[in-house]
N, C-alpha and C. Protein backbone atom coordinates (compact mmCIF):
# COMPACT_ATOMS: atom_id res chain seq x y z
N MET A 1 7.81 26.01 -3.83
CA MET A 1 6.78 25.48 -2.96
C MET A 1 5.44 25.48 -3.71
N THR A 2 4.71 24.41 -3.56
CA THR A 2 3.41 24.26 -4.21
C THR A 2 2.36 25.04 -3.43
N THR A 3 1.53 25.79 -4.15
CA THR A 3 0.45 26.55 -3.52
C THR A 3 -0.89 25.86 -3.76
N ALA A 4 -1.89 26.30 -3.02
CA ALA A 4 -3.24 25.76 -3.21
C ALA A 4 -3.74 26.04 -4.62
N ASN A 5 -3.40 27.21 -5.16
CA ASN A 5 -3.80 27.55 -6.53
C ASN A 5 -3.12 26.63 -7.53
N ASP A 6 -1.85 26.28 -7.29
CA ASP A 6 -1.15 25.34 -8.18
C ASP A 6 -1.89 24.00 -8.22
N ILE A 7 -2.33 23.55 -7.05
CA ILE A 7 -3.02 22.26 -6.97
C ILE A 7 -4.37 22.34 -7.66
N SER A 8 -5.16 23.37 -7.38
CA SER A 8 -6.50 23.45 -7.97
C SER A 8 -6.45 23.74 -9.46
N SER A 9 -5.36 24.31 -9.94
CA SER A 9 -5.24 24.65 -11.37
C SER A 9 -4.75 23.50 -12.24
N ARG A 10 -4.22 22.44 -11.63
CA ARG A 10 -3.81 21.29 -12.43
C ARG A 10 -5.01 20.81 -13.22
N PRO A 11 -4.86 20.57 -14.51
CA PRO A 11 -6.02 20.23 -15.35
C PRO A 11 -6.90 19.11 -14.80
N GLU A 12 -6.30 18.04 -14.30
CA GLU A 12 -7.10 16.92 -13.79
C GLU A 12 -7.84 17.33 -12.51
N ASN A 13 -7.23 18.16 -11.68
CA ASN A 13 -7.90 18.62 -10.47
C ASN A 13 -8.99 19.64 -10.79
N ALA A 14 -8.70 20.52 -11.74
CA ALA A 14 -9.70 21.52 -12.15
C ALA A 14 -10.96 20.85 -12.66
N THR A 15 -10.80 19.76 -13.39
CA THR A 15 -11.95 19.02 -13.90
C THR A 15 -12.77 18.43 -12.76
N VAL A 16 -12.10 17.84 -11.77
CA VAL A 16 -12.81 17.27 -10.62
C VAL A 16 -13.55 18.37 -9.87
N LEU A 17 -12.90 19.50 -9.66
CA LEU A 17 -13.52 20.61 -8.93
C LEU A 17 -14.74 21.15 -9.67
N GLU A 18 -14.62 21.33 -10.97
CA GLU A 18 -15.75 21.83 -11.75
C GLU A 18 -16.92 20.85 -11.74
N THR A 19 -16.62 19.57 -11.87
CA THR A 19 -17.66 18.55 -11.84
C THR A 19 -18.36 18.52 -10.49
N PHE A 20 -17.57 18.61 -9.42
CA PHE A 20 -18.15 18.59 -8.07
C PHE A 20 -19.04 19.80 -7.86
N PHE A 21 -18.56 20.99 -8.25
CA PHE A 21 -19.37 22.19 -8.08
C PHE A 21 -20.65 22.12 -8.92
N ALA A 22 -20.54 21.62 -10.13
CA ALA A 22 -21.73 21.48 -10.98
C ALA A 22 -22.75 20.56 -10.30
N GLY A 23 -22.27 19.51 -9.63
CA GLY A 23 -23.17 18.62 -8.90
C GLY A 23 -23.88 19.31 -7.76
N ILE A 24 -23.18 20.25 -7.12
CA ILE A 24 -23.79 21.03 -6.05
C ILE A 24 -24.80 22.02 -6.63
N ALA A 25 -24.36 22.81 -7.63
CA ALA A 25 -25.19 23.87 -8.19
C ALA A 25 -26.43 23.33 -8.90
N SER A 26 -26.33 22.13 -9.44
CA SER A 26 -27.48 21.53 -10.11
C SER A 26 -28.39 20.77 -9.14
N CYS A 27 -27.93 20.64 -7.92
CA CYS A 27 -28.61 19.88 -6.85
C CYS A 27 -28.56 18.38 -7.08
N ASP A 28 -27.77 17.92 -8.04
CA ASP A 28 -27.63 16.48 -8.25
C ASP A 28 -26.99 15.79 -7.05
N TYR A 29 -26.18 16.53 -6.28
CA TYR A 29 -25.49 15.94 -5.14
C TYR A 29 -26.29 16.03 -3.85
N TYR A 30 -27.52 16.49 -3.96
CA TYR A 30 -28.39 16.53 -2.80
C TYR A 30 -29.48 15.47 -2.96
N ASP A 31 -29.02 14.22 -3.00
CA ASP A 31 -29.93 13.11 -3.24
C ASP A 31 -29.96 12.13 -2.07
N GLY A 32 -29.48 12.59 -0.92
CA GLY A 32 -29.46 11.74 0.26
C GLY A 32 -28.15 11.02 0.49
N HIS A 33 -27.27 11.04 -0.50
CA HIS A 33 -25.94 10.45 -0.34
C HIS A 33 -24.97 11.50 0.17
N CYS A 34 -23.77 11.09 0.51
CA CYS A 34 -22.73 12.00 0.97
C CYS A 34 -21.61 12.03 -0.06
N TYR A 35 -21.34 13.21 -0.62
CA TYR A 35 -20.30 13.40 -1.62
C TYR A 35 -19.15 14.15 -0.97
N ARG A 36 -17.93 13.66 -1.20
CA ARG A 36 -16.76 14.28 -0.59
C ARG A 36 -15.67 14.52 -1.63
N LEU A 37 -14.92 15.60 -1.39
CA LEU A 37 -13.69 15.86 -2.14
C LEU A 37 -12.53 15.56 -1.21
N TYR A 38 -11.55 14.86 -1.74
CA TYR A 38 -10.36 14.51 -0.97
C TYR A 38 -9.12 15.06 -1.65
N LEU A 39 -8.14 15.44 -0.84
CA LEU A 39 -6.83 15.84 -1.32
C LEU A 39 -5.84 14.76 -0.92
N ASP A 40 -5.13 14.22 -1.90
CA ASP A 40 -4.08 13.24 -1.66
C ASP A 40 -2.79 14.02 -1.47
N LEU A 41 -2.27 14.02 -0.26
CA LEU A 41 -1.07 14.80 0.04
C LEU A 41 0.20 14.18 -0.54
N ASP A 42 0.12 12.93 -1.00
CA ASP A 42 1.28 12.29 -1.62
C ASP A 42 1.55 12.82 -3.02
N ASP A 43 0.49 13.06 -3.80
CA ASP A 43 0.68 13.52 -5.18
C ASP A 43 -0.13 14.78 -5.53
N ASN A 44 -0.75 15.39 -4.52
CA ASN A 44 -1.54 16.61 -4.70
C ASN A 44 -2.71 16.45 -5.67
N SER A 45 -3.24 15.25 -5.77
CA SER A 45 -4.41 15.03 -6.62
C SER A 45 -5.68 15.22 -5.79
N ILE A 46 -6.72 15.64 -6.47
CA ILE A 46 -8.03 15.81 -5.84
C ILE A 46 -8.96 14.77 -6.43
N SER A 47 -9.70 14.11 -5.56
CA SER A 47 -10.64 13.09 -6.03
C SER A 47 -11.98 13.27 -5.35
N GLU A 48 -12.98 12.70 -5.96
CA GLU A 48 -14.34 12.76 -5.47
C GLU A 48 -14.77 11.36 -5.07
N HIS A 49 -15.58 11.27 -4.01
CA HIS A 49 -16.06 9.97 -3.57
C HIS A 49 -17.47 10.12 -3.03
N MET A 50 -18.32 9.15 -3.30
CA MET A 50 -19.69 9.16 -2.83
C MET A 50 -19.91 7.96 -1.92
N GLU A 51 -20.55 8.22 -0.78
CA GLU A 51 -20.93 7.17 0.15
C GLU A 51 -22.43 7.26 0.42
N ALA A 52 -23.00 6.19 0.84
CA ALA A 52 -24.43 6.19 1.15
C ALA A 52 -24.74 6.94 2.44
N SER A 53 -23.75 7.16 3.27
CA SER A 53 -23.96 7.76 4.57
C SER A 53 -22.82 8.70 4.92
N GLU A 54 -23.10 9.69 5.77
CA GLU A 54 -22.04 10.57 6.28
C GLU A 54 -21.15 9.83 7.27
N ASN A 55 -21.58 8.66 7.70
CA ASN A 55 -20.83 7.89 8.69
C ASN A 55 -19.74 7.02 8.09
N SER A 56 -19.54 7.13 6.78
CA SER A 56 -18.49 6.38 6.10
C SER A 56 -17.62 7.37 5.35
N TRP A 57 -16.33 7.14 5.33
CA TRP A 57 -15.41 8.02 4.62
C TRP A 57 -14.13 7.28 4.33
N LEU A 58 -13.32 7.88 3.47
CA LEU A 58 -12.01 7.32 3.14
C LEU A 58 -10.97 7.94 4.05
N GLN A 59 -9.96 7.14 4.40
CA GLN A 59 -8.85 7.67 5.18
C GLN A 59 -7.65 6.75 5.03
N ARG A 60 -6.50 7.29 5.34
CA ARG A 60 -5.27 6.50 5.36
C ARG A 60 -4.67 6.60 6.74
N ASP A 61 -4.01 5.54 7.15
CA ASP A 61 -3.40 5.52 8.48
C ASP A 61 -2.34 6.60 8.64
N ASP A 62 -1.67 6.95 7.55
CA ASP A 62 -0.60 7.95 7.65
C ASP A 62 -1.11 9.38 7.51
N GLY A 63 -2.42 9.56 7.33
CA GLY A 63 -3.01 10.89 7.26
C GLY A 63 -2.79 11.62 5.95
N SER A 64 -2.36 10.90 4.91
CA SER A 64 -2.02 11.55 3.64
C SER A 64 -3.22 11.74 2.72
N LEU A 65 -4.41 11.36 3.16
CA LEU A 65 -5.63 11.60 2.40
C LEU A 65 -6.56 12.40 3.31
N VAL A 66 -6.87 13.63 2.90
CA VAL A 66 -7.67 14.51 3.75
C VAL A 66 -8.93 14.97 3.03
N GLU A 67 -9.98 15.12 3.80
CA GLU A 67 -11.24 15.61 3.24
C GLU A 67 -11.18 17.13 3.10
N ILE A 68 -11.54 17.61 1.93
CA ILE A 68 -11.59 19.06 1.69
C ILE A 68 -12.98 19.58 2.02
N ILE A 69 -14.00 18.88 1.53
CA ILE A 69 -15.39 19.32 1.73
C ILE A 69 -16.31 18.12 1.55
N ARG A 70 -17.48 18.21 2.17
CA ARG A 70 -18.51 17.18 1.97
C ARG A 70 -19.86 17.85 1.78
N VAL A 71 -20.70 17.19 1.04
CA VAL A 71 -22.05 17.68 0.74
C VAL A 71 -23.00 16.50 0.90
N SER A 72 -24.09 16.74 1.62
CA SER A 72 -25.08 15.67 1.76
C SER A 72 -26.45 16.28 2.04
N GLY A 73 -27.45 15.46 2.02
CA GLY A 73 -28.79 15.91 2.32
C GLY A 73 -29.68 15.94 1.10
N TYR A 74 -30.70 16.77 1.19
CA TYR A 74 -31.67 16.90 0.11
C TYR A 74 -31.79 18.37 -0.26
N CYS A 75 -32.29 18.64 -1.45
CA CYS A 75 -32.35 20.00 -1.97
C CYS A 75 -33.79 20.44 -2.20
N ASP A 76 -34.05 21.69 -1.87
CA ASP A 76 -35.37 22.24 -2.16
C ASP A 76 -35.27 23.49 -3.04
N THR A 77 -34.16 23.63 -3.76
CA THR A 77 -33.98 24.75 -4.67
C THR A 77 -34.90 24.57 -5.88
N PRO A 78 -35.65 25.60 -6.24
CA PRO A 78 -36.54 25.49 -7.40
C PRO A 78 -35.77 25.12 -8.68
N GLU A 79 -36.38 24.33 -9.51
CA GLU A 79 -35.74 23.85 -10.75
C GLU A 79 -35.15 24.99 -11.59
N ASP A 80 -35.85 26.11 -11.68
CA ASP A 80 -35.39 27.20 -12.55
C ASP A 80 -34.20 27.96 -11.97
N GLU A 81 -33.80 27.67 -10.74
CA GLU A 81 -32.64 28.31 -10.12
C GLU A 81 -31.43 27.39 -10.09
N ARG A 82 -31.56 26.21 -10.61
CA ARG A 82 -30.47 25.23 -10.58
C ARG A 82 -29.59 25.35 -11.81
N TYR A 83 -28.32 24.99 -11.63
CA TYR A 83 -27.37 24.96 -12.75
C TYR A 83 -27.77 23.86 -13.73
N THR A 84 -27.67 24.15 -15.01
CA THR A 84 -27.86 23.13 -16.04
C THR A 84 -26.68 23.22 -17.00
N ASP A 85 -26.39 22.14 -17.69
CA ASP A 85 -25.30 22.14 -18.66
C ASP A 85 -25.48 23.29 -19.64
N GLY A 86 -24.40 23.94 -19.95
CA GLY A 86 -24.46 25.06 -20.88
C GLY A 86 -24.48 26.40 -20.17
N CYS A 87 -24.81 26.40 -18.88
CA CYS A 87 -24.78 27.65 -18.11
C CYS A 87 -23.34 27.93 -17.68
N ASP A 88 -23.08 29.14 -17.29
CA ASP A 88 -21.76 29.54 -16.82
C ASP A 88 -21.68 29.29 -15.32
N LEU A 89 -20.74 28.45 -14.89
CA LEU A 89 -20.61 28.13 -13.47
C LEU A 89 -20.36 29.37 -12.62
N THR A 90 -19.71 30.39 -13.20
CA THR A 90 -19.43 31.59 -12.42
C THR A 90 -20.71 32.31 -12.00
N ASP A 91 -21.77 32.12 -12.75
CA ASP A 91 -23.06 32.72 -12.37
C ASP A 91 -23.65 32.06 -11.13
N TYR A 92 -23.11 30.94 -10.73
CA TYR A 92 -23.61 30.20 -9.57
C TYR A 92 -22.66 30.25 -8.38
N GLY A 93 -21.64 31.14 -8.45
CA GLY A 93 -20.72 31.31 -7.33
C GLY A 93 -19.49 30.44 -7.36
N TYR A 94 -19.12 29.96 -8.55
CA TYR A 94 -17.97 29.05 -8.63
C TYR A 94 -16.69 29.71 -8.14
N ALA A 95 -16.43 30.94 -8.51
CA ALA A 95 -15.17 31.60 -8.12
C ALA A 95 -15.07 31.71 -6.60
N GLU A 96 -16.15 32.08 -5.94
CA GLU A 96 -16.14 32.19 -4.49
C GLU A 96 -15.98 30.82 -3.84
N TRP A 97 -16.64 29.82 -4.39
CA TRP A 97 -16.52 28.46 -3.87
C TRP A 97 -15.09 27.96 -4.02
N LEU A 98 -14.47 28.24 -5.18
CA LEU A 98 -13.10 27.82 -5.42
C LEU A 98 -12.14 28.49 -4.45
N ASP A 99 -12.38 29.76 -4.13
CA ASP A 99 -11.56 30.44 -3.12
C ASP A 99 -11.64 29.71 -1.78
N MET A 100 -12.84 29.30 -1.40
CA MET A 100 -13.02 28.56 -0.15
C MET A 100 -12.30 27.21 -0.20
N ILE A 101 -12.39 26.52 -1.33
CA ILE A 101 -11.70 25.23 -1.48
C ILE A 101 -10.19 25.42 -1.39
N GLU A 102 -9.67 26.45 -2.05
CA GLU A 102 -8.23 26.71 -2.00
C GLU A 102 -7.77 27.06 -0.59
N SER A 103 -8.60 27.75 0.18
CA SER A 103 -8.22 28.04 1.56
C SER A 103 -8.19 26.75 2.39
N ARG A 104 -9.09 25.81 2.10
CA ARG A 104 -9.06 24.51 2.79
C ARG A 104 -7.82 23.73 2.40
N ILE A 105 -7.47 23.75 1.12
CA ILE A 105 -6.26 23.06 0.65
C ILE A 105 -5.03 23.65 1.33
N ALA A 106 -4.98 24.98 1.43
CA ALA A 106 -3.83 25.67 2.05
C ALA A 106 -3.64 25.23 3.50
N GLU A 107 -4.72 24.88 4.19
CA GLU A 107 -4.61 24.41 5.57
C GLU A 107 -3.81 23.11 5.67
N TYR A 108 -3.81 22.32 4.61
CA TYR A 108 -3.18 21.00 4.66
C TYR A 108 -1.80 20.94 4.05
N ILE A 109 -1.44 21.90 3.23
CA ILE A 109 -0.12 21.81 2.56
C ILE A 109 0.93 22.66 3.27
């Protein structure tokens, strides 16, 4: 049986998750758009999608594409507290965030 950790650990999914978290930690994803992570239940792939509004999203009639998390709005985090390339994501709470993402994935599998 496939676990949430198996899904998040797949190299292609791990890359998407790290990129998404870096966008949150750097505040790049707080630009007024809505960023979402989706889990494809057909092949256990994770993908990212950006929409101009929270009122738009991806879905499939058969329910095989589910939203894991969404981020939107604007950021007021001071520049010196934001993630920048070269920093360690774990210093910004990546491990705890990944635990939360895996618990969301576990709800769907």
